[in-house]
Amino acid sequence: MRTPTIVGVAAAVLVIGGVVAVLSSDHLRAVATDAVQPLPSPAASRGPLDTAAQRYLDAVAAKDAAALAAAFAPDGLVVDVGREIRGRDAIRQWAAAEVIGGVYTLLDHTPRQGGVTMLVRFQPGGAGGFRANYHFDITDGLITKATLEYA
C-alpha cells in the first residue's frame, strides 16, 4: 500500500551529520526530529567521567599538549590506528601535531573495571569530524593505555 508522501518501502536518504538510510516516511519524520534534539548529558546517565579521562578532554579544550601528556602515566601508551606512541614526551609531540586544535564532544561513556570507554566526536581543526571509541586503561589516576578506534 502507498502513502501520499513517500512510497512506504522506498528508501530515502537524510543527511544531518551523516548519512542515514530510511525505509519509510514515518521513519523519515522520526529521524529528522531526533537529529535536531540535543544530546543527553552522559554525566546524567553514567555518572561523572573518570578524572584522568576528563583531564585529557580538558587539555584538548585548553589547547595544551603538555597537560594532555600529563594525564598519562610516565610510560603511558597511545594506540592510534595501529601506531604505538609511548611515554609522555612522545604523547605530547603526537598530541601537538594531531590532537591539539581539534574539538571533542563526549557523546557517551561507560565506566569499566580499570578504566573507561568513551564515544566521542572529534573534529580535527574544529571542523568536519568523525565518531570514535576511546578505551582508556587507568591506574592510580593516570591513563596507562589509550586505544583509539575510529568508525
C-alpha atoms as a PDB file:
ATOM      1  CA  MET A   1       0.000   0.000   0.000  1.00  0.00           C
ATOM      2  CA  ARG A   2       1.265   3.509  -0.851  1.00  0.00           C
ATOM      3  CA  THR A   3       1.106   6.599   1.332  1.00  0.00           C
ATOM      4  CA  PRO A   4       0.532  10.083  -0.078  1.00  0.00           C
ATOM      5  CA  THR A   5       4.019  11.240   0.943  1.00  0.00           C
ATOM      6  CA  ILE A   6       6.841   8.817   0.132  1.00  0.00           C
ATOM      7  CA  VAL A   7       6.244   5.257  -1.051  1.00  0.00           C
ATOM      8  CA  GLY A   8       6.326   3.280   2.232  1.00  0.00           C
ATOM      9  CA  VAL A   9       9.000   0.841   1.113  1.00  0.00           C
ATOM     10  CA  ALA A  10      11.114   3.236  -0.954  1.00  0.00           C
ATOM     11  CA  ALA A  11      14.472   4.168   0.525  1.00  0.00           C
ATOM     12  CA  ALA A  12      15.263   7.810   1.195  1.00  0.00           C
ATOM     13  CA  VAL A  13      18.479   9.321   2.422  1.00  0.00           C
ATOM     14  CA  LEU A  14      18.650  12.008   5.058  1.00  0.00           C
ATOM     15  CA  VAL A  15      21.892  13.902   5.592  1.00  0.00           C
ATOM     16  CA  ILE A  16      22.251  15.513   9.015  1.00  0.00           C
ATOM     17  CA  GLY A  17      25.714  14.957  10.438  1.00  0.00           C
ATOM     18  CA  GLY A  18      25.998  11.749   8.432  1.00  0.00           C
ATOM     19  CA  VAL A  19      24.029   9.547   6.081  1.00  0.00           C
ATOM     20  CA  VAL A  20      21.113   7.528   7.432  1.00  0.00           C
ATOM     21  CA  ALA A  21      19.156   5.060   5.320  1.00  0.00           C
ATOM     22  CA  VAL A  22      15.431   5.424   5.837  1.00  0.00           C
ATOM     23  CA  LEU A  23      12.775   2.910   4.757  1.00  0.00           C
ATOM     24  CA  SER A  24       9.508   4.751   5.353  1.00  0.00           C
ATOM     25  CA  SER A  25       8.115   8.254   5.551  1.00  0.00           C
ATOM     26  CA  ASP A  26       7.163   7.767   9.238  1.00  0.00           C
ATOM     27  CA  HIS A  27      10.736   6.776   9.983  1.00  0.00           C
ATOM     28  CA  LEU A  28      11.962   9.780   7.995  1.00  0.00           C
ATOM     29  CA  ARG A  29       9.961  12.117  10.230  1.00  0.00           C
ATOM     30  CA  ALA A  30      11.276  10.384  13.371  1.00  0.00           C
ATOM     31  CA  VAL A  31      14.899  10.594  12.227  1.00  0.00           C
ATOM     32  CA  ALA A  32      14.567  14.254  11.262  1.00  0.00           C
ATOM     33  CA  THR A  33      13.047  15.041  14.674  1.00  0.00           C
ATOM     34  CA  ASP A  34      15.660  13.028  16.592  1.00  0.00           C
ATOM     35  CA  ALA A  35      18.530  14.581  14.650  1.00  0.00           C
ATOM     36  CA  VAL A  36      17.876  18.086  15.956  1.00  0.00           C
ATOM     37  CA  GLN A  37      17.443  17.135  19.623  1.00  0.00           C
ATOM     38  CA  PRO A  38      20.313  17.980  21.976  1.00  0.00           C
ATOM     39  CA  LEU A  39      22.361  15.008  23.130  1.00  0.00           C
ATOM     40  CA  PRO A  40      21.661  13.847  26.681  1.00  0.00           C
ATOM     41  CA  SER A  41      24.375  14.601  29.179  1.00  0.00           C
ATOM     42  CA  PRO A  42      26.487  11.479  29.667  1.00  0.00           C
ATOM     43  CA  ALA A  43      27.131  12.537  33.255  1.00  0.00           C
ATOM     44  CA  ALA A  44      23.402  12.308  33.923  1.00  0.00           C
ATOM     45  CA  SER A  45      23.152   8.764  32.564  1.00  0.00           C
ATOM     46  CA  ARG A  46      26.508   7.245  33.580  1.00  0.00           C
ATOM     47  CA  GLY A  47      27.806   9.323  36.441  1.00  0.00           C
ATOM     48  CA  PRO A  48      30.837  11.597  36.319  1.00  0.00           C
ATOM     49  CA  LEU A  49      33.631  10.873  33.883  1.00  0.00           C
ATOM     50  CA  ASP A  50      36.858   9.468  35.350  1.00  0.00           C
ATOM     51  CA  THR A  51      39.144  12.362  36.281  1.00  0.00           C
ATOM     52  CA  ALA A  52      42.042  11.174  34.088  1.00  0.00           C
ATOM     53  CA  ALA A  53      39.758  10.995  31.044  1.00  0.00           C
ATOM     54  CA  GLN A  54      38.328  14.405  31.923  1.00  0.00           C
ATOM     55  CA  ARG A  55      41.867  15.856  32.155  1.00  0.00           C
ATOM     56  CA  TYR A  56      42.554  14.503  28.633  1.00  0.00           C
ATOM     57  CA  LEU A  57      39.442  16.228  27.237  1.00  0.00           C
ATOM     58  CA  ASP A  58      40.090  19.425  29.222  1.00  0.00           C
ATOM     59  CA  ALA A  59      43.669  19.592  27.911  1.00  0.00           C
ATOM     60  CA  VAL A  60      42.430  19.423  24.322  1.00  0.00           C
ATOM     61  CA  ALA A  61      39.872  22.151  25.023  1.00  0.00           C
ATOM     62  CA  ALA A  62      42.670  24.273  26.556  1.00  0.00           C
ATOM     63  CA  LYS A  63      44.952  23.519  23.560  1.00  0.00           C
ATOM     64  CA  ASP A  64      47.587  22.227  25.988  1.00  0.00           C
ATOM     65  CA  ALA A  65      49.613  19.243  24.708  1.00  0.00           C
ATOM     66  CA  ALA A  66      51.724  19.140  27.875  1.00  0.00           C
ATOM     67  CA  ALA A  67      48.607  18.854  30.057  1.00  0.00           C
ATOM     68  CA  LEU A  68      47.268  16.101  27.799  1.00  0.00           C
ATOM     69  CA  ALA A  69      50.541  14.166  28.191  1.00  0.00           C
ATOM     70  CA  ALA A  70      50.415  14.735  31.958  1.00  0.00           C
ATOM     71  CA  ALA A  71      47.098  12.824  32.078  1.00  0.00           C
ATOM     72  CA  PHE A  72      49.171   9.725  31.178  1.00  0.00           C
ATOM     73  CA  ALA A  73      51.480   7.602  33.291  1.00  0.00           C
ATOM     74  CA  PRO A  74      55.180   8.297  32.555  1.00  0.00           C
ATOM     75  CA  ASP A  75      55.335   5.163  30.354  1.00  0.00           C
ATOM     76  CA  GLY A  76      51.764   5.573  29.060  1.00  0.00           C
ATOM     77  CA  LEU A  77      50.807   4.218  25.650  1.00  0.00           C
ATOM     78  CA  VAL A  78      48.544   5.551  22.904  1.00  0.00           C
ATOM     79  CA  VAL A  79      47.487   3.075  20.225  1.00  0.00           C
ATOM     80  CA  ASP A  80      46.212   5.260  17.392  1.00  0.00           C
ATOM     81  CA  VAL A  81      45.165   3.320  14.295  1.00  0.00           C
ATOM     82  CA  GLY A  82      47.801   0.695  14.993  1.00  0.00           C
ATOM     83  CA  ARG A  83      50.591   3.197  15.710  1.00  0.00           C
ATOM     84  CA  GLU A  84      52.058   2.999  19.181  1.00  0.00           C
ATOM     85  CA  ILE A  85      53.081   6.220  20.877  1.00  0.00           C
ATOM     86  CA  ARG A  86      54.801   5.519  24.219  1.00  0.00           C
ATOM     87  CA  GLY A  87      55.893   7.866  27.000  1.00  0.00           C
ATOM     88  CA  ARG A  88      54.794  11.362  27.929  1.00  0.00           C
ATOM     89  CA  ASP A  89      57.225  13.168  25.622  1.00  0.00           C
ATOM     90  CA  ALA A  90      56.138  11.160  22.561  1.00  0.00           C
ATOM     91  CA  ILE A  91      52.462  11.554  23.566  1.00  0.00           C
ATOM     92  CA  ARG A  92      52.953  15.327  23.931  1.00  0.00           C
ATOM     93  CA  GLN A  93      54.510  15.518  20.441  1.00  0.00           C
ATOM     94  CA  TRP A  94      51.706  13.367  18.960  1.00  0.00           C
ATOM     95  CA  ALA A  95      49.052  15.488  20.681  1.00  0.00           C
ATOM     96  CA  ALA A  96      50.634  18.757  19.492  1.00  0.00           C
ATOM     97  CA  ALA A  97      50.727  17.500  15.902  1.00  0.00           C
ATOM     98  CA  GLU A  98      47.429  15.613  15.667  1.00  0.00           C
ATOM     99  CA  VAL A  99      45.036  16.429  18.505  1.00  0.00           C
ATOM    100  CA  ILE A 100      45.517  19.978  19.797  1.00  0.00           C
ATOM    101  CA  GLY A 101      43.377  22.424  17.816  1.00  0.00           C
ATOM    102  CA  GLY A 102      40.649  19.823  17.473  1.00  0.00           C
ATOM    103  CA  VAL A 103      37.331  19.757  19.286  1.00  0.00           C
ATOM    104  CA  TYR A 104      35.957  16.802  21.235  1.00  0.00           C
ATOM    105  CA  THR A 105      32.321  16.220  22.046  1.00  0.00           C
ATOM    106  CA  LEU A 106      31.740  13.477  24.594  1.00  0.00           C
ATOM    107  CA  LEU A 107      28.700  11.559  23.336  1.00  0.00           C
ATOM    108  CA  ASP A 108      28.686   8.772  25.917  1.00  0.00           C
ATOM    109  CA  HIS A 109      30.941   6.961  28.335  1.00  0.00           C
ATOM    110  CA  THR A 110      30.933   3.635  30.088  1.00  0.00           C
ATOM    111  CA  PRO A 111      32.966   3.169  33.243  1.00  0.00           C
ATOM    112  CA  ARG A 112      34.585  -0.275  33.485  1.00  0.00           C
ATOM    113  CA  GLN A 113      36.944  -2.043  35.838  1.00  0.00           C
ATOM    114  CA  GLY A 114      40.301  -0.322  35.446  1.00  0.00           C
ATOM    115  CA  GLY A 115      39.163   2.408  33.089  1.00  0.00           C
ATOM    116  CA  VAL A 116      36.519   3.917  30.862  1.00  0.00           C
ATOM    117  CA  THR A 117      35.288   3.632  27.291  1.00  0.00           C
ATOM    118  CA  MET A 118      34.164   6.867  25.662  1.00  0.00           C
ATOM    119  CA  LEU A 119      32.217   7.526  22.495  1.00  0.00           C
ATOM    120  CA  VAL A 120      33.441  10.870  21.190  1.00  0.00           C
ATOM    121  CA  ARG A 121      33.055  13.060  18.162  1.00  0.00           C
ATOM    122  CA  PHE A 122      36.407  14.520  17.179  1.00  0.00           C
ATOM    123  CA  GLN A 123      36.650  17.486  14.852  1.00  0.00           C
ATOM    124  CA  PRO A 124      40.285  17.957  13.822  1.00  0.00           C
ATOM    125  CA  GLY A 125      40.987  21.641  13.421  1.00  0.00           C
ATOM    126  CA  GLY A 126      37.488  22.272  14.810  1.00  0.00           C
ATOM    127  CA  ALA A 127      35.669  21.338  11.569  1.00  0.00           C
ATOM    128  CA  GLY A 128      34.248  18.229   9.947  1.00  0.00           C
ATOM    129  CA  GLY A 129      34.765  15.320  12.259  1.00  0.00           C
ATOM    130  CA  PHE A 130      34.019  11.712  12.977  1.00  0.00           C
ATOM    131  CA  ARG A 131      32.962   9.416  15.799  1.00  0.00           C
ATOM    132  CA  ALA A 132      35.459   7.304  17.670  1.00  0.00           C
ATOM    133  CA  ASN A 133      35.629   4.908  20.587  1.00  0.00           C
ATOM    134  CA  TYR A 134      38.401   5.638  23.052  1.00  0.00           C
ATOM    135  CA  HIS A 135      39.293   2.919  25.536  1.00  0.00           C
ATOM    136  CA  PHE A 136      41.339   4.294  28.433  1.00  0.00           C
ATOM    137  CA  ASP A 137      43.018   1.964  30.912  1.00  0.00           C
ATOM    138  CA  ILE A 138      43.556   3.959  34.111  1.00  0.00           C
ATOM    139  CA  THR A 139      45.692   3.187  37.155  1.00  0.00           C
ATOM    140  CA  ASP A 140      46.259   5.488  40.133  1.00  0.00           C
ATOM    141  CA  GLY A 141      44.518   8.388  38.388  1.00  0.00           C
ATOM    142  CA  LEU A 142      46.655   8.239  35.218  1.00  0.00           C
ATOM    143  CA  ILE A 143      45.942   6.836  31.766  1.00  0.00           C
ATOM    144  CA  THR A 144      48.227   3.850  31.204  1.00  0.00           C
ATOM    145  CA  LYS A 145      46.879   2.958  27.761  1.00  0.00           C
ATOM    146  CA  ALA A 146      44.583   4.739  25.318  1.00  0.00           C
ATOM    147  CA  THR A 147      43.292   2.661  22.417  1.00  0.00           C
ATOM    148  CA  LEU A 148      41.652   4.886  19.793  1.00  0.00           C
ATOM    149  CA  GLU A 149      39.242   3.237  17.337  1.00  0.00           C
ATOM    150  CA  TYR A 150      37.677   5.195  14.513  1.00  0.00           C
ATOM    151  CA  ALA A 151      34.446   4.315  12.714  1.00  0.00           C
END
